[in-house]
Amino acid sequence: MNNFYKNVLCFILVQAIAITSLITLSSSEPNKGGHDNSRWIHPWFKTWHIYAVNGISKDQTLLVHCKSKDDDLGIHNLTVGSEFTWKFRPRFFGGTLFWCYMAYDNLHASFKAFWDNQVLYNLCDWGTCFWIAKDDGIYIRNIPKNRDDYYCNWEQGRL
C-alpha cells in the first residue's frame, strides 16, 4: 500500500474517532439508568484534574512531590487546607501513571495518584481526583458517594 492510501486511511480513522467522541460527549439527553456506554471514551478525550490536599489537623506543612514517567511536577510545600493541582490528558492507548510522595513531621507515604483503572475512574467521577492527607493516612475522595475513602497509611521516617 502506498503512502497516499495510508494517509487516506489514517485520515478516515481520525475523523471517525473525532465524530464518535463528539456524538457521545454532546448528547443532551440525561442517562436514564443502566450502563452509560459513552464513558469508555472519556478517559482519553477529556482533561483530568488531580488535587493533592493538606487535610492534616495539626498546623503541619505537607511536602508533596508528584510525577509520571514523563513529567516531574516538582516539590510543593502545602500549608493546612491548601492544595496542589495539575491537569493532563491520558495517553490514547493507556498506560498513563502518576504517583505521589507526601511527607510531614516524621511520616511519609507513596501512592499511585492516577492509573488506568475503571474503579478509579468511578471514584473520581470520570475526571477529577482528590487525594487528601489526613492524620491517619491518605484518602481519596469518593465523589459519587460524597465521602473520603481510606487509601494508605503513613510510614515512619522519611525517604
N, C-alpha and C. Protein backbone atom coordinates (compact mmCIF):
# COMPACT_ATOMS: atom_id res chain seq x y z
N MET A 1 0.85 -1.17 0.00
CA MET A 1 0.00 0.00 0.00
C MET A 1 0.90 1.23 0.00
N ASN A 2 0.63 2.16 -0.90
CA ASN A 2 1.50 3.34 -0.95
C ASN A 2 1.09 4.37 0.11
N ASN A 3 1.91 5.39 0.23
CA ASN A 3 1.70 6.41 1.28
C ASN A 3 0.39 7.15 1.13
N PHE A 4 -0.06 7.39 -0.09
CA PHE A 4 -1.31 8.11 -0.30
C PHE A 4 -2.47 7.36 0.36
N TYR A 5 -2.59 6.05 0.12
CA TYR A 5 -3.67 5.28 0.70
C TYR A 5 -3.54 5.16 2.22
N LYS A 6 -2.32 5.05 2.70
CA LYS A 6 -2.12 5.03 4.15
C LYS A 6 -2.59 6.33 4.78
N ASN A 7 -2.27 7.45 4.16
CA ASN A 7 -2.69 8.75 4.67
C ASN A 7 -4.21 8.90 4.65
N VAL A 8 -4.84 8.40 3.59
CA VAL A 8 -6.31 8.47 3.48
C VAL A 8 -6.95 7.63 4.58
N LEU A 9 -6.45 6.40 4.78
CA LEU A 9 -7.00 5.55 5.83
C LEU A 9 -6.80 6.15 7.21
N CYS A 10 -5.66 6.73 7.44
CA CYS A 10 -5.38 7.39 8.73
C CYS A 10 -6.34 8.55 8.94
N PHE A 11 -6.56 9.36 7.91
CA PHE A 11 -7.46 10.50 7.99
C PHE A 11 -8.88 10.02 8.30
N ILE A 12 -9.34 8.97 7.65
CA ILE A 12 -10.69 8.45 7.87
C ILE A 12 -10.82 7.94 9.31
N LEU A 13 -9.81 7.24 9.79
CA LEU A 13 -9.83 6.72 11.16
C LEU A 13 -9.91 7.86 12.18
N VAL A 14 -9.09 8.88 11.99
CA VAL A 14 -9.09 10.02 12.91
C VAL A 14 -10.44 10.73 12.88
N GLN A 15 -11.01 10.90 11.70
CA GLN A 15 -12.32 11.56 11.60
C GLN A 15 -13.40 10.73 12.28
N ALA A 16 -13.36 9.41 12.11
CA ALA A 16 -14.36 8.55 12.73
C ALA A 16 -14.28 8.64 14.26
N ILE A 17 -13.07 8.63 14.78
CA ILE A 17 -12.90 8.75 16.23
C ILE A 17 -13.39 10.11 16.72
N ALA A 18 -13.06 11.17 16.00
CA ALA A 18 -13.49 12.52 16.40
C ALA A 18 -15.00 12.65 16.38
N ILE A 19 -15.64 12.13 15.35
CA ILE A 19 -17.10 12.22 15.25
C ILE A 19 -17.75 11.40 16.36
N THR A 20 -17.24 10.20 16.61
CA THR A 20 -17.78 9.37 17.68
C THR A 20 -17.68 10.07 19.02
N SER A 21 -16.54 10.69 19.30
CA SER A 21 -16.38 11.37 20.59
C SER A 21 -17.28 12.58 20.69
N LEU A 22 -17.48 13.33 19.60
CA LEU A 22 -18.38 14.48 19.65
C LEU A 22 -19.81 14.05 19.89
N ILE A 23 -20.22 12.96 19.25
CA ILE A 23 -21.58 12.48 19.44
C ILE A 23 -21.81 12.06 20.88
N THR A 24 -20.87 11.31 21.44
CA THR A 24 -21.08 10.82 22.80
C THR A 24 -20.90 11.92 23.84
N LEU A 25 -20.05 12.91 23.56
CA LEU A 25 -19.82 13.97 24.54
C LEU A 25 -20.88 15.05 24.48
N SER A 26 -21.57 15.20 23.35
CA SER A 26 -22.50 16.31 23.21
C SER A 26 -23.95 15.89 23.39
N SER A 27 -24.20 14.67 23.76
CA SER A 27 -25.57 14.23 23.98
C SER A 27 -26.19 15.03 25.11
N SER A 28 -27.37 15.61 24.85
CA SER A 28 -28.03 16.41 25.87
C SER A 28 -29.06 15.60 26.64
N GLU A 29 -29.28 14.36 26.24
CA GLU A 29 -30.25 13.53 26.94
C GLU A 29 -29.61 12.90 28.17
N PRO A 30 -30.21 13.08 29.33
CA PRO A 30 -29.62 12.51 30.54
C PRO A 30 -29.65 11.00 30.52
N ASN A 31 -28.74 10.41 31.26
CA ASN A 31 -28.68 8.97 31.38
C ASN A 31 -29.90 8.51 32.17
N LYS A 32 -30.67 7.61 31.61
CA LYS A 32 -31.90 7.16 32.25
C LYS A 32 -31.71 5.86 33.00
N GLY A 33 -30.53 5.66 33.54
CA GLY A 33 -30.27 4.44 34.29
C GLY A 33 -29.54 3.43 33.42
N GLY A 34 -29.06 2.39 34.08
CA GLY A 34 -28.33 1.37 33.34
C GLY A 34 -26.92 1.81 33.06
N HIS A 35 -26.26 1.11 32.18
CA HIS A 35 -24.85 1.36 31.88
C HIS A 35 -24.70 2.48 30.87
N ASP A 36 -23.85 3.43 31.13
CA ASP A 36 -23.56 4.53 30.22
C ASP A 36 -22.43 4.10 29.29
N ASN A 37 -22.76 3.70 28.07
CA ASN A 37 -21.77 3.16 27.13
C ASN A 37 -20.79 4.20 26.63
N SER A 38 -21.08 5.48 26.77
CA SER A 38 -20.18 6.51 26.24
C SER A 38 -19.00 6.77 27.17
N ARG A 39 -19.05 6.34 28.40
CA ARG A 39 -17.99 6.67 29.36
C ARG A 39 -16.65 6.06 28.99
N TRP A 40 -16.61 4.95 28.27
CA TRP A 40 -15.33 4.34 27.94
C TRP A 40 -14.48 5.26 27.09
N ILE A 41 -15.07 6.20 26.40
CA ILE A 41 -14.33 7.13 25.56
C ILE A 41 -13.71 8.25 26.39
N HIS A 42 -14.37 8.67 27.43
CA HIS A 42 -13.98 9.85 28.19
C HIS A 42 -12.56 9.88 28.74
N PRO A 43 -12.02 8.81 29.30
CA PRO A 43 -10.69 8.95 29.89
C PRO A 43 -9.63 9.45 28.92
N TRP A 44 -9.78 9.18 27.64
CA TRP A 44 -8.75 9.55 26.69
C TRP A 44 -9.01 10.88 26.00
N PHE A 45 -10.25 11.34 25.97
CA PHE A 45 -10.57 12.56 25.24
C PHE A 45 -10.88 13.74 26.14
N LYS A 46 -10.72 13.59 27.43
CA LYS A 46 -11.01 14.71 28.31
C LYS A 46 -9.78 15.04 29.14
N THR A 47 -9.80 16.19 29.71
CA THR A 47 -8.73 16.62 30.60
C THR A 47 -9.07 16.18 32.02
N TRP A 48 -8.13 15.50 32.65
CA TRP A 48 -8.29 15.07 34.03
C TRP A 48 -7.65 16.09 34.96
N HIS A 49 -8.22 16.26 36.14
CA HIS A 49 -7.70 17.17 37.16
C HIS A 49 -7.41 16.35 38.42
N ILE A 50 -6.20 16.49 38.94
CA ILE A 50 -5.80 15.77 40.14
C ILE A 50 -5.44 16.80 41.21
N TYR A 51 -5.93 16.60 42.42
CA TYR A 51 -5.67 17.50 43.54
C TYR A 51 -4.99 16.74 44.67
N ALA A 52 -3.96 17.33 45.23
CA ALA A 52 -3.33 16.84 46.46
C ALA A 52 -3.63 17.88 47.53
N VAL A 53 -4.27 17.47 48.61
CA VAL A 53 -4.80 18.40 49.61
C VAL A 53 -4.19 18.11 50.98
N ASN A 54 -3.79 19.17 51.69
CA ASN A 54 -3.31 19.03 53.06
C ASN A 54 -4.51 19.14 53.99
N GLY A 55 -4.98 17.97 54.48
CA GLY A 55 -6.11 17.93 55.40
C GLY A 55 -5.68 17.50 56.79
N ILE A 56 -4.41 17.71 57.13
CA ILE A 56 -3.89 17.33 58.44
C ILE A 56 -4.42 18.31 59.48
N SER A 57 -4.86 17.80 60.63
CA SER A 57 -5.49 18.67 61.62
C SER A 57 -4.48 19.54 62.36
N LYS A 58 -3.26 19.07 62.50
CA LYS A 58 -2.23 19.87 63.17
C LYS A 58 -1.76 20.95 62.21
N ASP A 59 -1.11 21.95 62.75
CA ASP A 59 -0.61 23.02 61.90
C ASP A 59 0.71 22.57 61.27
N GLN A 60 0.63 21.57 60.36
CA GLN A 60 1.81 20.97 59.75
C GLN A 60 1.89 21.30 58.26
N THR A 61 3.07 21.57 57.78
CA THR A 61 3.30 21.74 56.35
C THR A 61 3.48 20.36 55.73
N LEU A 62 2.79 20.12 54.63
CA LEU A 62 2.84 18.84 53.93
C LEU A 62 3.73 18.99 52.70
N LEU A 63 4.75 18.14 52.58
CA LEU A 63 5.59 18.11 51.39
C LEU A 63 4.91 17.16 50.39
N VAL A 64 4.74 17.63 49.15
CA VAL A 64 4.12 16.83 48.10
C VAL A 64 5.03 16.84 46.88
N HIS A 65 5.33 15.66 46.36
CA HIS A 65 6.14 15.52 45.14
C HIS A 65 5.44 14.50 44.25
N CYS A 66 4.87 14.95 43.14
CA CYS A 66 4.16 14.07 42.22
C CYS A 66 4.85 14.07 40.86
N LYS A 67 4.79 12.91 40.19
CA LYS A 67 5.40 12.82 38.87
C LYS A 67 4.87 11.63 38.10
N SER A 68 5.20 11.62 36.83
CA SER A 68 4.92 10.49 35.95
C SER A 68 6.24 10.09 35.32
N LYS A 69 6.17 9.14 34.42
CA LYS A 69 7.38 8.74 33.70
C LYS A 69 7.95 9.91 32.89
N ASP A 70 7.05 10.76 32.39
CA ASP A 70 7.46 11.86 31.51
C ASP A 70 7.54 13.22 32.18
N ASP A 71 6.82 13.42 33.26
CA ASP A 71 6.71 14.74 33.87
C ASP A 71 6.96 14.72 35.37
N ASP A 72 7.92 15.51 35.82
CA ASP A 72 8.15 15.73 37.25
C ASP A 72 7.46 17.04 37.60
N LEU A 73 6.46 16.98 38.46
CA LEU A 73 5.65 18.16 38.78
C LEU A 73 6.24 19.01 39.90
N GLY A 74 7.40 18.61 40.39
CA GLY A 74 8.11 19.42 41.38
C GLY A 74 7.69 19.14 42.81
N ILE A 75 8.42 19.75 43.72
CA ILE A 75 8.16 19.61 45.16
C ILE A 75 7.35 20.83 45.60
N HIS A 76 6.29 20.56 46.37
CA HIS A 76 5.41 21.63 46.84
C HIS A 76 5.23 21.47 48.34
N ASN A 77 5.26 22.57 49.06
CA ASN A 77 5.02 22.60 50.50
C ASN A 77 3.66 23.24 50.73
N LEU A 78 2.72 22.44 51.23
CA LEU A 78 1.35 22.89 51.39
C LEU A 78 1.03 23.16 52.85
N THR A 79 0.50 24.32 53.13
CA THR A 79 0.01 24.61 54.47
C THR A 79 -1.34 23.92 54.65
N VAL A 80 -1.79 23.78 55.88
CA VAL A 80 -3.06 23.11 56.17
C VAL A 80 -4.19 23.80 55.40
N GLY A 81 -4.98 22.97 54.72
CA GLY A 81 -6.11 23.48 53.94
C GLY A 81 -5.79 23.87 52.51
N SER A 82 -4.51 23.89 52.15
CA SER A 82 -4.16 24.26 50.77
C SER A 82 -4.00 23.01 49.90
N GLU A 83 -3.86 23.22 48.61
CA GLU A 83 -3.79 22.11 47.66
C GLU A 83 -2.81 22.39 46.54
N PHE A 84 -2.38 21.33 45.91
CA PHE A 84 -1.59 21.38 44.68
C PHE A 84 -2.40 20.62 43.64
N THR A 85 -2.51 21.17 42.45
CA THR A 85 -3.31 20.54 41.41
C THR A 85 -2.58 20.54 40.08
N TRP A 86 -2.89 19.57 39.25
CA TRP A 86 -2.40 19.55 37.88
C TRP A 86 -3.46 18.90 36.99
N LYS A 87 -3.30 19.12 35.70
CA LYS A 87 -4.24 18.54 34.74
C LYS A 87 -3.46 17.94 33.59
N PHE A 88 -4.08 16.99 32.92
CA PHE A 88 -3.43 16.28 31.82
C PHE A 88 -4.49 15.52 31.03
N ARG A 89 -4.08 15.04 29.88
CA ARG A 89 -4.88 14.11 29.09
C ARG A 89 -4.14 12.79 29.05
N PRO A 90 -4.81 11.71 29.39
CA PRO A 90 -4.15 10.40 29.37
C PRO A 90 -3.71 10.01 27.96
N ARG A 91 -2.74 9.10 27.92
CA ARG A 91 -2.30 8.54 26.64
C ARG A 91 -3.46 7.80 26.01
N PHE A 92 -3.59 7.92 24.71
CA PHE A 92 -4.71 7.31 23.99
C PHE A 92 -4.75 5.80 24.17
N PHE A 93 -3.61 5.15 24.11
CA PHE A 93 -3.58 3.70 24.21
C PHE A 93 -3.34 3.19 25.63
N GLY A 94 -3.57 4.04 26.62
CA GLY A 94 -3.45 3.63 28.02
C GLY A 94 -2.03 3.74 28.54
N GLY A 95 -1.88 3.33 29.78
CA GLY A 95 -0.56 3.33 30.41
C GLY A 95 -0.21 4.61 31.15
N THR A 96 -1.12 5.57 31.23
CA THR A 96 -0.83 6.80 31.98
C THR A 96 -0.75 6.48 33.47
N LEU A 97 0.31 6.95 34.11
CA LEU A 97 0.52 6.69 35.53
C LEU A 97 1.17 7.90 36.17
N PHE A 98 0.55 8.42 37.23
CA PHE A 98 1.14 9.44 38.08
C PHE A 98 1.24 8.87 39.47
N TRP A 99 2.29 9.19 40.19
CA TRP A 99 2.41 8.77 41.57
C TRP A 99 2.88 9.95 42.40
N CYS A 100 2.60 9.89 43.69
CA CYS A 100 2.95 10.99 44.59
C CYS A 100 3.64 10.46 45.84
N TYR A 101 4.49 11.31 46.37
CA TYR A 101 5.14 11.10 47.66
C TYR A 101 4.68 12.27 48.52
N MET A 102 4.19 11.97 49.73
CA MET A 102 3.79 13.01 50.68
C MET A 102 4.51 12.75 52.00
N ALA A 103 4.86 13.84 52.68
CA ALA A 103 5.55 13.69 53.96
C ALA A 103 5.24 14.89 54.85
N TYR A 104 5.17 14.62 56.15
CA TYR A 104 5.09 15.68 57.16
C TYR A 104 5.61 15.12 58.46
N ASP A 105 6.11 15.99 59.32
CA ASP A 105 6.67 15.58 60.60
C ASP A 105 7.69 14.46 60.34
N ASN A 106 7.50 13.28 60.89
CA ASN A 106 8.41 12.17 60.62
C ASN A 106 7.66 11.02 59.94
N LEU A 107 6.68 11.36 59.09
CA LEU A 107 5.85 10.38 58.40
C LEU A 107 5.90 10.61 56.89
N HIS A 108 5.73 9.53 56.12
CA HIS A 108 5.68 9.66 54.67
C HIS A 108 4.77 8.58 54.08
N ALA A 109 4.34 8.81 52.84
CA ALA A 109 3.55 7.84 52.09
C ALA A 109 3.81 8.04 50.61
N SER A 110 3.85 6.94 49.88
CA SER A 110 3.97 6.96 48.42
C SER A 110 2.79 6.17 47.86
N PHE A 111 2.18 6.69 46.78
CA PHE A 111 1.00 6.03 46.22
C PHE A 111 0.79 6.46 44.78
N LYS A 112 0.05 5.62 44.04
CA LYS A 112 -0.35 5.96 42.69
C LYS A 112 -1.48 6.98 42.79
N ALA A 113 -1.36 8.10 42.06
CA ALA A 113 -2.38 9.14 42.08
C ALA A 113 -3.31 9.06 40.88
N PHE A 114 -2.84 8.43 39.79
CA PHE A 114 -3.69 8.18 38.62
C PHE A 114 -3.11 7.00 37.87
N TRP A 115 -3.99 6.10 37.46
CA TRP A 115 -3.62 4.97 36.62
C TRP A 115 -4.87 4.56 35.87
N ASP A 116 -4.70 3.79 34.82
CA ASP A 116 -5.83 3.34 34.00
C ASP A 116 -6.59 2.25 34.75
N ASN A 117 -7.74 2.64 35.33
CA ASN A 117 -8.49 1.70 36.15
C ASN A 117 -9.94 2.17 36.25
N GLN A 118 -10.87 1.29 35.94
CA GLN A 118 -12.30 1.61 35.97
C GLN A 118 -12.76 2.05 37.37
N VAL A 119 -12.27 1.41 38.42
CA VAL A 119 -12.67 1.78 39.78
C VAL A 119 -12.23 3.21 40.09
N LEU A 120 -10.99 3.54 39.71
CA LEU A 120 -10.51 4.91 39.93
C LEU A 120 -11.35 5.91 39.13
N TYR A 121 -11.65 5.59 37.88
CA TYR A 121 -12.48 6.48 37.07
C TYR A 121 -13.80 6.77 37.77
N ASN A 122 -14.42 5.73 38.33
CA ASN A 122 -15.70 5.92 39.02
C ASN A 122 -15.55 6.75 40.29
N LEU A 123 -14.52 6.45 41.10
CA LEU A 123 -14.29 7.24 42.32
C LEU A 123 -14.11 8.71 41.99
N CYS A 124 -13.41 8.98 40.92
CA CYS A 124 -13.08 10.36 40.52
C CYS A 124 -14.15 10.96 39.61
N ASP A 125 -15.28 10.31 39.49
CA ASP A 125 -16.39 10.79 38.68
C ASP A 125 -15.93 11.12 37.25
N TRP A 126 -15.03 10.29 36.76
CA TRP A 126 -14.54 10.36 35.37
C TRP A 126 -13.93 11.71 35.03
N GLY A 127 -13.11 12.25 35.96
CA GLY A 127 -12.42 13.47 35.58
C GLY A 127 -11.70 14.25 36.66
N THR A 128 -12.05 14.07 37.94
CA THR A 128 -11.44 14.86 39.00
C THR A 128 -11.13 13.99 40.20
N CYS A 129 -9.84 13.83 40.53
CA CYS A 129 -9.42 13.03 41.68
C CYS A 129 -8.90 13.94 42.78
N PHE A 130 -9.34 13.70 44.00
CA PHE A 130 -8.87 14.42 45.17
C PHE A 130 -8.15 13.44 46.09
N TRP A 131 -6.88 13.69 46.37
CA TRP A 131 -6.10 12.91 47.32
C TRP A 131 -5.88 13.78 48.54
N ILE A 132 -6.35 13.32 49.70
CA ILE A 132 -6.32 14.14 50.91
C ILE A 132 -5.42 13.48 51.95
N ALA A 133 -4.43 14.23 52.42
CA ALA A 133 -3.56 13.77 53.51
C ALA A 133 -4.25 14.13 54.82
N LYS A 134 -4.49 13.10 55.64
CA LYS A 134 -5.10 13.30 56.95
C LYS A 134 -4.17 12.72 58.00
N ASP A 135 -4.50 12.93 59.26
CA ASP A 135 -3.65 12.48 60.37
C ASP A 135 -3.35 10.99 60.32
N ASP A 136 -4.31 10.17 59.91
CA ASP A 136 -4.13 8.72 59.95
C ASP A 136 -3.79 8.09 58.60
N GLY A 137 -3.61 8.89 57.54
CA GLY A 137 -3.23 8.32 56.25
C GLY A 137 -3.70 9.16 55.08
N ILE A 138 -3.65 8.53 53.92
CA ILE A 138 -4.04 9.18 52.67
C ILE A 138 -5.43 8.67 52.28
N TYR A 139 -6.27 9.58 51.86
CA TYR A 139 -7.64 9.27 51.46
C TYR A 139 -7.87 9.72 50.02
N ILE A 140 -8.79 9.06 49.34
CA ILE A 140 -9.25 9.51 48.03
C ILE A 140 -10.72 9.89 48.18
N ARG A 141 -11.07 11.00 47.55
CA ARG A 141 -12.46 11.47 47.61
C ARG A 141 -13.31 10.59 46.71
N ASN A 142 -14.31 9.93 47.27
CA ASN A 142 -15.28 9.15 46.52
C ASN A 142 -16.40 10.12 46.14
N ILE A 143 -16.29 10.71 44.97
CA ILE A 143 -17.21 11.77 44.57
C ILE A 143 -18.66 11.28 44.47
N PRO A 144 -18.92 10.13 43.83
CA PRO A 144 -20.33 9.71 43.74
C PRO A 144 -20.98 9.47 45.10
N LYS A 145 -20.22 9.01 46.09
CA LYS A 145 -20.79 8.73 47.41
C LYS A 145 -20.57 9.87 48.39
N ASN A 146 -19.91 10.95 47.95
CA ASN A 146 -19.69 12.14 48.76
C ASN A 146 -19.03 11.82 50.11
N ARG A 147 -17.90 11.07 50.03
CA ARG A 147 -17.15 10.73 51.24
C ARG A 147 -15.68 10.53 50.88
N ASP A 148 -14.83 10.54 51.90
CA ASP A 148 -13.41 10.25 51.71
C ASP A 148 -13.16 8.80 52.09
N ASP A 149 -12.54 8.05 51.17
CA ASP A 149 -12.24 6.63 51.41
C ASP A 149 -10.76 6.48 51.74
N TYR A 150 -10.49 5.73 52.80
CA TYR A 150 -9.12 5.48 53.22
C TYR A 150 -8.37 4.75 52.11
N TYR A 151 -7.11 5.17 51.85
CA TYR A 151 -6.33 4.55 50.78
C TYR A 151 -5.04 3.89 51.28
N CYS A 152 -4.24 4.62 52.06
CA CYS A 152 -3.00 4.02 52.58
C CYS A 152 -2.53 4.74 53.84
N ASN A 153 -1.64 4.07 54.62
CA ASN A 153 -1.14 4.64 55.88
C ASN A 153 0.12 5.47 55.66
N TRP A 154 0.41 6.20 56.70
CA TRP A 154 1.70 6.86 56.81
C TRP A 154 2.71 5.82 57.30
N GLU A 155 3.94 5.97 56.88
CA GLU A 155 5.04 5.14 57.39
C GLU A 155 5.98 6.03 58.16
N GLN A 156 6.67 5.45 59.14
CA GLN A 156 7.62 6.21 59.96
C GLN A 156 8.86 6.56 59.14
N GLY A 157 9.44 7.72 59.42
CA GLY A 157 10.66 8.15 58.75
C GLY A 157 10.38 8.81 57.42
N ARG A 158 11.41 9.38 56.86
CA ARG A 158 11.31 10.00 55.54
C ARG A 158 12.25 9.29 54.60
N LEU A 159 11.87 9.24 53.36
CA LEU A 159 12.75 8.64 52.34
C LEU A 159 13.80 9.62 51.88
